Amino acid sequence: MHEPLTAKAGGSRSQRTPAKISFAYWTLQLVCWGLYFYAQSSGEVIFAGVPWSKAAVMWGGVCVAGIGLTQTLRWVARRQAWLELPPLALLRRVLLGLLLISTTSYLIAITLSSTLYGTPVVPILGTFYRKLYFSGQLRNQFISGFLIYTMWVAIYFGIAIQRRRHSVELRQAQLAEALQAAELRLLKTQLNPHFLFNALNGVRALIAGDPGKAQDAVTRLARTLRYTLAAGEENLVTMARELEMVDDYLALEQLRLAERLKVVRDIAPAALTVRIPVMLMQTLVENAIKHGISPLKQGGTLRIAAHVTAAELVVEIVNPCPESPAMEPGSENVGLKNLSERLRLLFGPAARLHLDLSGPGQAIAEVRLPA
């Protein structure tokens, strides 16, 4: 815990980058609307006998409006996270958006046609529907535009939903793989042999002088081992459950550190029910003691704080640490790196871990995740 570590959850390297996705989207937009422009304008020239100049203005305006309207719908859907909504809520919003952009496009087409040709019915459609009454021609003009936008919406949201499903499946597979690979690492880094030896030596020292305390210490050690061995079976536990394990861990560490270890807790009641990654608090606390308080002759005070603000759980672990630490090669922040990866896989960009060592002789580990 001696080098700054900032971990923010991000996307998988195996996923396509946003730049590539954006390029593909705009390529399809321009190609498809370009083909639609050519088909409609050339058809209007051939079947309705209008000049190219007017047809180009007419359908150029309609296609530019189409690009703007569909892009606006896409922007709103992404900004308001429509894809994260339940299916019925998503369907309602998509249908409403489809109706709005279709109606807007219809009004733009009527305005352009009235300006260019003196009639709200576009000439090519008027030619095809000439046997219908005027109202029927307008109705079919709206329906034809509505069908074009329906195709766009169906293709866009179909691809977006499929991509999101693939992303969720990929993240779940990564999480399962990471948790499986982390089980042995958790035993090594979170409950290392030194801790077990120290705990057992502390119990042995108590057996003769204070059998009651020795029995309590054995019970705490058994609970700690059981919790750690079961850590790979579930991803999330409540803060209250995690703190029970931390209390056992701290009680065992105090057998070794005695008065050198002081603990101050500031846990808001609302934080106790929040579900957090299993071993999160224990990883932070163990890291603070192992690399911060334990190497100090005088020990120090470990402060554990957790509170909920703006639908976000904020966990803070503060401890003193040596200003010039001596660490074994390759041992820096193994537990924290493992924890930051699990946060990324479980919560995505909504969670982050930051280790602040800017203060002299002090370390602050902060975790933020959705409450």
Protein backbone atom coordinates (compact mmCIF):
# COMPACT_ATOMS: atom_id res chain seq x y z
CA MET A 1 0.00 0.00 0.00
CA HIS A 2 2.81 2.29 -0.84
CA GLU A 3 2.24 3.35 -4.43
CA PRO A 4 -0.74 5.31 -5.71
CA LEU A 5 -3.35 3.04 -7.18
CA THR A 6 -6.37 4.36 -9.03
CA ALA A 7 -8.73 1.82 -10.50
CA LYS A 8 -11.72 2.71 -12.60
CA ALA A 9 -13.92 0.09 -14.09
CA GLY A 10 -13.79 0.09 -17.84
CA GLY A 11 -14.71 -1.94 -20.91
CA SER A 12 -13.14 -5.21 -21.91
CA ARG A 13 -10.23 -5.10 -24.29
CA SER A 14 -11.99 -7.72 -26.43
CA GLN A 15 -14.89 -5.39 -27.15
CA ARG A 16 -14.88 -3.01 -30.10
CA THR A 17 -13.71 0.48 -29.28
CA PRO A 18 -16.24 3.36 -29.25
CA ALA A 19 -14.40 4.99 -32.18
CA LYS A 20 -14.90 1.90 -34.37
CA ILE A 21 -18.55 1.59 -33.36
CA SER A 22 -19.18 5.27 -34.11
CA PHE A 23 -17.45 4.95 -37.51
CA ALA A 24 -19.58 1.93 -38.44
CA TYR A 25 -22.77 3.70 -37.31
CA TRP A 26 -22.12 6.85 -39.34
CA THR A 27 -21.03 4.86 -42.37
CA LEU A 28 -24.33 2.97 -42.34
CA GLN A 29 -26.27 6.18 -41.72
CA LEU A 30 -24.75 8.01 -44.68
CA VAL A 31 -24.83 5.01 -47.05
CA CYS A 32 -28.45 4.05 -46.29
CA TRP A 33 -29.83 7.58 -46.40
CA GLY A 34 -27.75 8.24 -49.54
CA LEU A 35 -29.31 5.22 -51.25
CA TYR A 36 -32.76 6.32 -50.12
CA PHE A 37 -32.10 9.82 -51.50
CA TYR A 38 -31.02 8.41 -54.88
CA ALA A 39 -33.97 6.01 -55.12
CA GLN A 40 -36.58 8.64 -54.24
CA SER A 41 -35.18 11.55 -56.23
CA SER A 42 -34.49 9.48 -59.39
CA GLY A 43 -37.89 7.83 -59.06
CA GLU A 44 -39.55 11.23 -58.81
CA VAL A 45 -37.76 12.40 -61.95
CA ILE A 46 -38.66 9.21 -63.88
CA PHE A 47 -42.25 8.62 -62.74
CA ALA A 48 -43.43 12.14 -61.88
CA GLY A 49 -41.46 13.99 -64.55
CA VAL A 50 -40.10 16.69 -62.23
CA PRO A 51 -36.72 18.35 -62.79
CA TRP A 52 -33.66 16.95 -61.00
CA SER A 53 -33.03 20.27 -59.26
CA LYS A 54 -36.36 20.17 -57.43
CA ALA A 55 -36.21 16.43 -56.71
CA ALA A 56 -32.73 16.81 -55.25
CA VAL A 57 -33.83 19.64 -52.96
CA MET A 58 -36.97 17.77 -51.95
CA TRP A 59 -35.36 14.46 -51.02
CA GLY A 60 -32.09 16.01 -49.92
CA GLY A 61 -34.04 17.94 -47.29
CA VAL A 62 -36.01 14.84 -46.26
CA CYS A 63 -32.83 12.75 -45.90
CA VAL A 64 -30.91 15.41 -43.98
CA ALA A 65 -33.91 15.68 -41.65
CA GLY A 66 -33.93 11.88 -41.38
CA ILE A 67 -30.29 11.81 -40.32
CA GLY A 68 -30.90 14.55 -37.76
CA LEU A 69 -34.06 12.95 -36.36
CA THR A 70 -32.64 9.43 -36.05
CA GLN A 71 -29.44 10.77 -34.50
CA THR A 72 -31.53 12.72 -31.98
CA LEU A 73 -33.46 9.56 -31.08
CA ARG A 74 -30.18 7.67 -30.67
CA TRP A 75 -28.72 10.45 -28.49
CA VAL A 76 -31.79 10.50 -26.22
CA ALA A 77 -31.83 6.69 -25.93
CA ARG A 78 -28.17 6.59 -24.95
CA ARG A 79 -28.30 9.57 -22.59
CA GLN A 80 -31.33 8.17 -20.73
CA ALA A 81 -30.00 4.58 -20.80
CA TRP A 82 -33.04 3.09 -22.51
CA LEU A 83 -31.32 -0.26 -23.00
CA GLU A 84 -31.09 -0.74 -19.24
CA LEU A 85 -34.89 -0.45 -18.86
CA PRO A 86 -37.30 -3.42 -18.60
CA PRO A 87 -38.59 -4.61 -22.00
CA LEU A 88 -42.05 -2.99 -21.76
CA ALA A 89 -40.64 0.37 -20.63
CA LEU A 90 -38.10 0.23 -23.48
CA LEU A 91 -40.82 -0.65 -26.01
CA ARG A 92 -43.04 2.26 -24.90
CA ARG A 93 -40.20 4.76 -25.28
CA VAL A 94 -39.12 3.36 -28.65
CA LEU A 95 -42.67 3.50 -30.04
CA LEU A 96 -43.17 7.04 -28.77
CA GLY A 97 -39.83 8.13 -30.24
CA LEU A 98 -40.71 6.44 -33.54
CA LEU A 99 -44.04 8.26 -33.70
CA LEU A 100 -42.42 11.63 -32.93
CA ILE A 101 -39.67 11.42 -35.53
CA SER A 102 -42.06 10.02 -38.16
CA THR A 103 -44.52 12.84 -37.59
CA THR A 104 -41.78 15.47 -37.67
CA SER A 105 -40.39 14.05 -40.91
CA TYR A 106 -43.90 13.96 -42.39
CA LEU A 107 -44.43 17.65 -41.59
CA ILE A 108 -41.02 18.52 -43.10
CA ALA A 109 -41.89 16.61 -46.28
CA ILE A 110 -45.27 18.37 -46.55
CA THR A 111 -43.61 21.78 -46.09
CA LEU A 112 -40.93 21.10 -48.71
CA SER A 113 -43.44 19.68 -51.21
CA SER A 114 -45.81 22.62 -50.75
CA THR A 115 -42.95 25.07 -51.26
CA LEU A 116 -41.48 23.33 -54.31
CA TYR A 117 -44.57 21.90 -56.02
CA GLY A 118 -47.51 23.78 -54.55
CA THR A 119 -49.05 20.61 -53.09
CA PRO A 120 -48.39 18.79 -49.80
CA VAL A 121 -48.37 15.41 -51.56
CA VAL A 122 -44.91 14.56 -52.87
CA PRO A 123 -45.13 14.06 -56.68
CA ILE A 124 -43.74 10.52 -56.74
CA LEU A 125 -46.26 9.39 -54.14
CA GLY A 126 -49.04 11.37 -55.79
CA THR A 127 -48.29 9.45 -59.00
CA PHE A 128 -48.43 6.08 -57.31
CA TYR A 129 -51.57 6.91 -55.30
CA ARG A 130 -53.35 9.03 -57.92
CA LYS A 131 -56.51 6.93 -57.72
CA LEU A 132 -56.91 7.72 -54.02
CA TYR A 133 -58.64 10.75 -52.58
CA PHE A 134 -56.40 13.59 -51.42
CA SER A 135 -56.74 12.54 -47.77
CA GLY A 136 -55.82 8.98 -48.70
CA GLN A 137 -52.70 10.21 -50.49
CA LEU A 138 -51.63 12.17 -47.40
CA ARG A 139 -52.32 9.17 -45.20
CA ASN A 140 -50.24 6.84 -47.38
CA GLN A 141 -47.47 9.44 -47.50
CA PHE A 142 -47.31 9.34 -43.71
CA ILE A 143 -47.40 5.52 -43.65
CA SER A 144 -44.56 5.21 -46.18
CA GLY A 145 -42.37 7.52 -44.09
CA PHE A 146 -43.40 5.73 -40.90
CA LEU A 147 -42.31 2.39 -42.40
CA ILE A 148 -38.89 3.81 -43.31
CA TYR A 149 -38.31 4.99 -39.74
CA THR A 150 -39.69 1.72 -38.35
CA MET A 151 -37.04 -0.15 -40.31
CA TRP A 152 -34.34 2.18 -38.99
CA VAL A 153 -35.52 1.82 -35.38
CA ALA A 154 -35.84 -1.97 -35.66
CA ILE A 155 -32.35 -2.38 -37.10
CA TYR A 156 -30.68 0.09 -34.72
CA PHE A 157 -32.25 -1.16 -31.49
CA GLY A 158 -31.96 -4.78 -32.60
CA ILE A 159 -28.20 -4.38 -33.04
CA ALA A 160 -27.88 -2.30 -29.84
CA ILE A 161 -29.78 -4.85 -27.75
CA GLN A 162 -27.74 -7.71 -29.18
CA ARG A 163 -24.50 -5.84 -28.49
CA ARG A 164 -25.53 -5.11 -24.93
CA ARG A 165 -26.53 -8.74 -24.36
CA HIS A 166 -23.17 -9.87 -25.68
CA SER A 167 -21.41 -7.33 -23.46
CA VAL A 168 -23.30 -8.55 -20.37
CA GLU A 169 -22.53 -12.19 -21.18
CA LEU A 170 -18.89 -11.35 -21.76
CA ARG A 171 -18.68 -9.45 -18.47
CA GLN A 172 -20.30 -12.34 -16.59
CA ALA A 173 -17.87 -14.80 -18.17
CA GLN A 174 -14.94 -12.57 -17.25
CA LEU A 175 -16.23 -12.21 -13.70
CA ALA A 176 -16.65 -15.97 -13.30
CA GLU A 177 -13.15 -16.53 -14.65
CA ALA A 178 -11.67 -13.80 -12.45
CA LEU A 179 -13.39 -15.10 -9.32
CA GLN A 180 -12.31 -18.64 -10.04
CA ALA A 181 -8.71 -17.56 -10.58
CA ALA A 182 -8.86 -15.35 -7.46
CA GLU A 183 -9.93 -18.03 -4.97
CA LEU A 184 -6.39 -19.28 -4.34
CA ARG A 185 -5.03 -15.72 -4.51
CA LEU A 186 -7.52 -14.68 -1.83
CA LEU A 187 -6.17 -17.38 0.50
CA LYS A 188 -2.61 -16.27 -0.17
CA THR A 189 -3.03 -12.50 -0.06
CA GLN A 190 -5.97 -11.99 2.26
CA LEU A 191 -5.30 -14.78 4.75
CA ASN A 192 -1.60 -15.40 4.30
CA PRO A 193 0.41 -17.96 6.27
CA HIS A 194 1.95 -15.23 8.45
CA PHE A 195 -1.49 -14.24 9.67
CA LEU A 196 -2.40 -17.86 10.45
CA PHE A 197 0.88 -18.50 12.29
CA ASN A 198 0.52 -15.30 14.29
CA ALA A 199 -3.10 -16.12 15.17
CA LEU A 200 -2.20 -19.66 16.26
CA ASN A 201 0.74 -18.39 18.33
CA GLY A 202 -1.60 -15.89 19.99
CA VAL A 203 -4.05 -18.66 20.82
CA ARG A 204 -1.27 -20.84 22.24
CA ALA A 205 -0.15 -18.00 24.50
CA LEU A 206 -3.70 -17.61 25.82
CA ILE A 207 -4.40 -21.29 26.52
CA ALA A 208 -2.60 -21.39 29.86
CA GLY A 209 -3.35 -17.89 31.10
CA ASP A 210 -6.84 -17.23 29.77
CA PRO A 211 -8.61 -20.34 28.36
CA GLY A 212 -11.80 -18.35 27.76
CA LYS A 213 -10.06 -15.88 25.49
CA ALA A 214 -8.25 -18.73 23.75
CA GLN A 215 -11.56 -20.44 23.00
CA ASP A 216 -13.01 -17.18 21.67
CA ALA A 217 -9.94 -16.69 19.46
CA VAL A 218 -10.27 -20.21 18.02
CA THR A 219 -13.94 -19.51 17.26
CA ARG A 220 -13.04 -16.26 15.48
CA LEU A 221 -10.28 -17.95 13.50
CA ALA A 222 -12.66 -20.72 12.41
CA ARG A 223 -15.26 -18.15 11.29
CA THR A 224 -12.61 -16.17 9.42
CA LEU A 225 -11.35 -19.28 7.60
CA ARG A 226 -14.88 -20.41 6.76
CA TYR A 227 -15.79 -17.00 5.37
CA THR A 228 -12.64 -16.83 3.25
CA LEU A 229 -13.05 -20.36 1.89
CA ALA A 230 -16.65 -19.56 0.91
CA ALA A 231 -15.72 -16.24 -0.73
CA GLY A 232 -15.78 -17.72 -4.22
CA GLU A 233 -19.39 -18.94 -3.90
CA GLU A 234 -21.07 -15.53 -4.00
CA ASN A 235 -20.23 -12.18 -5.53
CA LEU A 236 -21.99 -9.76 -3.18
CA VAL A 237 -22.73 -9.67 0.57
CA THR A 238 -24.16 -6.97 2.81
CA MET A 239 -21.83 -4.52 4.46
CA ALA A 240 -23.04 -5.79 7.85
CA ARG A 241 -22.02 -9.37 6.99
CA GLU A 242 -18.62 -8.26 5.73
CA LEU A 243 -17.98 -6.20 8.88
CA GLU A 244 -18.67 -9.26 11.06
CA MET A 245 -15.78 -10.99 9.36
CA VAL A 246 -13.61 -7.87 9.66
CA ASP A 247 -14.29 -7.73 13.42
CA ASP A 248 -13.07 -11.33 13.75
CA TYR A 249 -10.01 -10.53 11.68
CA LEU A 250 -9.16 -7.44 13.75
CA ALA A 251 -9.63 -9.33 17.03
CA LEU A 252 -7.10 -11.91 15.87
CA GLU A 253 -4.65 -9.25 14.71
CA GLN A 254 -4.90 -7.56 18.11
CA LEU A 255 -3.56 -10.75 19.71
CA ARG A 256 -0.32 -9.95 17.88
CA LEU A 257 -0.31 -6.15 17.83
CA ALA A 258 -2.03 -5.55 21.19
CA GLU A 259 -1.95 -1.81 22.03
CA ARG A 260 -0.21 -1.00 18.76
CA LEU A 261 -3.50 -1.43 16.91
CA LYS A 262 -6.39 0.92 17.63
CA VAL A 263 -9.57 0.87 15.58
CA VAL A 264 -12.08 3.68 15.08
CA ARG A 265 -15.34 2.92 13.25
CA ASP A 266 -17.68 5.40 11.59
CA ILE A 267 -20.32 3.29 9.85
CA ALA A 268 -23.62 4.93 8.89
CA PRO A 269 -26.70 2.70 9.46
CA ALA A 270 -27.75 3.11 5.82
CA ALA A 271 -24.43 1.61 4.69
CA LEU A 272 -25.00 -1.68 6.54
CA THR A 273 -27.63 -2.94 4.10
CA VAL A 274 -25.71 -2.09 0.92
CA ARG A 275 -24.44 -5.15 -0.94
CA ILE A 276 -20.71 -5.01 -1.64
CA PRO A 277 -18.20 -7.40 -3.24
CA VAL A 278 -17.30 -10.22 -0.89
CA MET A 279 -13.92 -9.65 0.84
CA LEU A 280 -13.93 -5.93 -0.05
CA MET A 281 -13.63 -4.61 3.52
CA GLN A 282 -11.31 -7.41 4.61
CA THR A 283 -8.98 -6.72 1.68
CA LEU A 284 -8.78 -3.03 2.52
CA VAL A 285 -8.32 -3.62 6.26
CA GLU A 286 -5.73 -6.38 5.80
CA ASN A 287 -3.80 -4.19 3.37
CA ALA A 288 -3.83 -1.26 5.82
CA ILE A 289 -2.49 -3.40 8.70
CA LYS A 290 0.01 -5.45 6.72
CA HIS A 291 1.64 -2.57 4.83
CA GLY A 292 0.76 0.36 7.09
CA ILE A 293 0.38 -0.23 10.81
CA SER A 294 2.29 -3.49 11.34
CA PRO A 295 5.72 -2.16 10.16
CA LEU A 296 5.47 0.83 12.53
CA LYS A 297 7.03 0.36 15.98
CA GLN A 298 4.40 2.52 17.60
CA GLY A 299 1.58 1.03 15.54
CA GLY A 300 -1.32 3.37 14.83
CA THR A 301 -5.03 3.95 14.52
CA LEU A 302 -7.05 2.30 11.78
CA ARG A 303 -10.15 4.32 10.81
CA ILE A 304 -12.97 2.49 9.02
CA ALA A 305 -15.73 4.72 7.61
CA ALA A 306 -18.70 4.02 5.34
CA HIS A 307 -21.67 6.16 4.41
CA VAL A 308 -24.23 6.53 1.63
CA THR A 309 -24.55 9.76 -0.34
CA ALA A 310 -26.41 10.45 -3.59
CA ALA A 311 -27.21 6.73 -4.10
CA GLU A 312 -23.51 5.92 -3.78
CA LEU A 313 -21.69 3.98 -1.06
CA VAL A 314 -18.41 5.59 -0.02
CA VAL A 315 -15.97 3.44 1.97
CA GLU A 316 -12.82 4.98 3.42
CA ILE A 317 -9.94 3.25 5.21
CA VAL A 318 -7.37 5.58 6.78
CA ASN A 319 -4.15 4.40 8.44
CA PRO A 320 -0.59 5.54 9.15
CA CYS A 321 2.17 4.00 7.08
CA PRO A 322 5.99 4.14 6.85
CA GLU A 323 7.31 6.97 4.71
CA SER A 324 9.97 4.72 3.14
CA PRO A 325 8.41 1.24 3.02
CA ALA A 326 10.35 -1.92 2.32
CA MET A 327 8.33 -4.46 0.39
CA GLU A 328 9.01 -7.81 -1.14
CA PRO A 329 9.36 -7.63 -4.94
CA GLY A 330 6.04 -8.17 -6.70
CA SER A 331 3.95 -7.86 -3.53
CA GLU A 332 2.70 -4.31 -4.05
CA ASN A 333 -1.05 -3.98 -3.92
CA VAL A 334 -1.85 -7.53 -5.07
CA GLY A 335 -5.04 -7.54 -3.01
CA LEU A 336 -6.06 -4.08 -4.19
CA LYS A 337 -5.42 -4.91 -7.84
CA ASN A 338 -7.55 -8.03 -7.49
CA LEU A 339 -10.26 -5.98 -5.80
CA SER A 340 -10.23 -3.26 -8.47
CA GLU A 341 -10.68 -5.90 -11.19
CA ARG A 342 -13.66 -7.40 -9.39
CA LEU A 343 -15.20 -3.95 -9.00
CA ARG A 344 -14.80 -3.37 -12.73
CA LEU A 345 -16.47 -6.65 -13.63
CA LEU A 346 -19.31 -6.31 -11.10
CA PHE A 347 -20.23 -2.63 -11.51
CA GLY A 348 -18.52 -1.32 -14.65
CA PRO A 349 -17.70 2.40 -14.65
CA ALA A 350 -20.07 3.00 -11.71
CA ALA A 351 -17.41 1.76 -9.23
CA ARG A 352 -13.90 2.97 -8.54
CA LEU A 353 -11.05 2.38 -6.11
CA HIS A 354 -8.48 5.06 -5.28
CA LEU A 355 -5.44 4.86 -3.01
CA ASP A 356 -4.11 8.23 -1.84
CA LEU A 357 -0.58 8.31 -0.45
CA SER A 358 -0.01 12.04 -0.92
CA GLY A 359 -0.21 12.81 2.81
CA PRO A 360 3.05 12.28 4.77
CA GLY A 361 2.93 9.00 6.68
CA GLN A 362 -0.73 8.42 5.88
CA ALA A 363 -2.64 6.22 3.45
CA ILE A 364 -6.30 6.64 2.44
CA ALA A 365 -8.06 3.92 0.46
CA GLU A 366 -11.45 4.98 -0.93
CA VAL A 367 -14.02 2.84 -2.71
CA ARG A 368 -17.17 4.23 -4.36
CA LEU A 369 -19.89 2.00 -5.77
CA PRO A 370 -23.67 2.13 -6.37
CA ALA A 371 -25.74 1.89 -3.17
